[in-house]
Protein backbone atom coordinates (compact mmCIF):
# COMPACT_ATOMS: atom_id res chain seq x y z
CA MET A 1 -17.80 -2.13 -12.07
CA GLN A 2 -15.23 -0.16 -14.19
CA ASP A 3 -15.47 2.86 -12.26
CA VAL A 4 -14.38 0.60 -9.26
CA VAL A 5 -11.42 -0.41 -11.27
CA HIS A 6 -10.46 3.14 -12.36
CA THR A 7 -10.85 4.22 -9.05
CA LEU A 8 -8.38 1.30 -7.57
CA ARG A 9 -5.86 2.28 -10.40
CA ALA A 10 -6.09 6.12 -9.63
CA MET A 11 -5.44 4.95 -5.46
CA ASP A 12 -2.33 2.79 -6.97
CA HIS A 13 -0.83 6.06 -8.34
CA GLU A 14 -1.58 7.87 -5.85
CA PHE A 15 0.12 5.19 -2.94
CA MET A 16 3.31 6.03 -5.40
CA ASP A 17 3.22 9.19 -5.80
CA GLY A 18 3.02 9.78 -2.32
CA VAL A 19 5.87 7.24 -1.40
CA ALA A 20 7.75 9.13 -4.22
CA ALA A 21 7.10 12.68 -2.09
CA LYS A 22 7.96 10.88 1.42
CA ASP A 23 4.71 11.86 2.35
CA PRO A 24 3.25 9.25 4.79
CA VAL A 25 0.07 11.33 5.80
CA ARG A 26 -0.33 11.23 1.85
CA VAL A 27 -0.04 7.35 2.12
CA ALA A 28 -2.10 6.60 5.32
CA ALA A 29 -4.96 8.85 3.94
CA LEU A 30 -5.38 5.69 1.26
CA TYR A 31 -6.34 3.77 4.45
CA ALA A 32 -9.49 2.62 6.20
CA ASP A 33 -9.25 3.66 10.25
CA ASP A 34 -9.74 0.08 10.86
CA ALA A 35 -7.15 -0.95 8.17
CA ARG A 36 -4.38 -3.93 8.86
CA ILE A 37 -0.89 -4.12 7.18
CA LEU A 38 0.53 -7.83 7.23
CA MET A 39 4.59 -7.71 6.59
CA PRO A 40 6.59 -10.62 6.93
CA GLY A 41 8.44 -11.29 10.51
CA ARG A 42 6.27 -8.38 11.50
CA PRO A 43 3.19 -8.10 13.99
CA VAL A 44 0.13 -6.82 12.45
CA ILE A 45 0.20 -3.16 11.99
CA SER A 46 -3.64 -2.14 12.97
CA GLY A 47 -5.33 1.18 13.04
CA LYS A 48 -4.87 4.66 11.08
CA ALA A 49 -2.28 5.80 13.88
CA GLU A 50 0.22 2.67 13.65
CA ILE A 51 -0.21 2.59 9.69
CA LEU A 52 0.63 6.57 10.18
CA ASP A 53 3.44 5.50 12.79
CA PHE A 54 4.88 2.37 9.94
CA TRP A 55 4.93 4.99 6.52
CA LYS A 56 6.86 8.16 8.69
CA ALA A 57 9.43 5.95 10.38
CA SER A 58 9.60 3.56 6.57
CA LEU A 59 9.94 6.72 4.29
CA LYS A 60 12.18 8.64 6.67
CA GLY A 61 14.68 6.91 5.12
CA LEU A 62 14.58 3.05 4.27
CA VAL A 63 11.96 2.96 1.56
CA GLU A 64 12.69 5.31 -1.60
CA SER A 65 10.31 4.16 -3.66
CA ILE A 66 7.84 1.29 -4.44
CA ALA A 67 6.26 0.76 -7.84
CA LEU A 68 2.96 -1.39 -8.11
CA ASP A 69 2.23 -3.56 -11.29
CA THR A 70 -1.72 -4.16 -10.68
CA THR A 71 -2.46 -7.86 -12.50
CA HIS A 72 -5.85 -8.16 -11.28
CA ILE A 73 -8.63 -6.65 -9.70
CA GLU A 74 -11.96 -8.11 -8.76
CA VAL A 75 -14.87 -6.28 -7.08
CA SER A 76 -18.05 -7.78 -5.29
CA GLY A 77 -20.31 -5.43 -3.91
CA ASN A 78 -18.67 -3.19 -1.12
CA LEU A 79 -15.44 -4.74 -1.42
CA ALA A 80 -12.46 -5.41 -3.59
CA TYR A 81 -9.39 -6.74 -3.95
CA SER A 82 -6.56 -6.33 -6.25
CA PHE A 83 -2.97 -8.22 -6.95
CA GLY A 84 0.05 -7.79 -8.44
CA ALA A 85 4.00 -7.43 -8.59
CA ASN A 86 5.59 -4.55 -6.41
CA THR A 87 9.04 -3.24 -7.18
CA ILE A 88 10.34 -1.35 -3.87
CA MET A 89 13.72 0.49 -3.79
CA LEU A 90 15.45 0.30 -0.02
CA LYS A 91 18.25 2.69 0.94
CA PRO A 92 18.93 1.59 4.49
CA ALA A 93 21.39 3.88 6.38
CA GLY A 94 24.80 3.53 5.29
CA GLU A 95 24.55 0.97 2.78
CA SER A 96 23.75 1.41 -1.01
CA ALA A 97 20.25 1.01 -2.15
CA ARG A 98 18.86 -2.04 -3.30
CA GLU A 99 15.84 -3.29 -5.22
CA GLU A 100 13.51 -5.66 -3.69
CA ASN A 101 11.15 -7.30 -5.86
CA GLY A 102 7.76 -9.43 -4.59
CA LYS A 103 4.17 -9.59 -4.62
CA TYR A 104 0.94 -7.99 -2.87
CA VAL A 105 -2.50 -8.05 -2.06
CA ALA A 106 -4.53 -5.48 -0.95
CA VAL A 107 -8.14 -5.08 -0.06
CA TYR A 108 -10.90 -2.25 -0.52
CA ARG A 109 -14.32 -1.37 0.97
CA ARG A 110 -16.65 0.88 0.11
CA GLN A 111 -16.65 3.62 2.99
CA PRO A 112 -20.31 4.94 3.98
CA ALA A 113 -19.53 8.39 2.16
CA GLY A 114 -19.01 5.94 -1.25
CA ASP A 115 -14.93 6.50 -1.85
CA TRP A 116 -13.16 3.47 -1.48
CA LYS A 117 -10.18 2.65 1.63
CA ILE A 118 -7.75 -0.30 1.70
CA VAL A 119 -8.77 -2.69 4.39
CA ALA A 120 -5.76 -5.10 4.23
CA ASP A 121 -2.26 -4.80 3.11
CA SER A 122 -0.03 -7.72 2.50
CA TYR A 123 3.28 -8.41 0.57
CA SER A 124 5.70 -10.32 0.53
CA SER A 125 9.83 -10.78 -1.34
CA ASN A 126 10.35 -12.81 -4.21
CA GLY A 127 13.84 -14.07 -2.47
């Protein structure tokens, strides 16, 4: 189990580094082909192609950075989940940057090759 926890924490860092580098391909690579992103006020983003398009649009100008503070990881067989707090720096076009604090949960599944990928990703703002 500790190996999986270490792997998921490494994925958190890869996610944050990919966002900071504004590299949507790098971020989308963390998701399984059949993954879903569930965001407040938007339809479900389904599958690798939609997830890549989402991150391309988000990292083109709106999202400056995302910091994850994972407070809990649970592993059971080929599934795991994590949750915690996040801080997102947003910079809408023509506006000042602003910080949005929230929480998230991510569900991971071990892939046939043995690696782990995100299969469900959901977050919400604190306010």
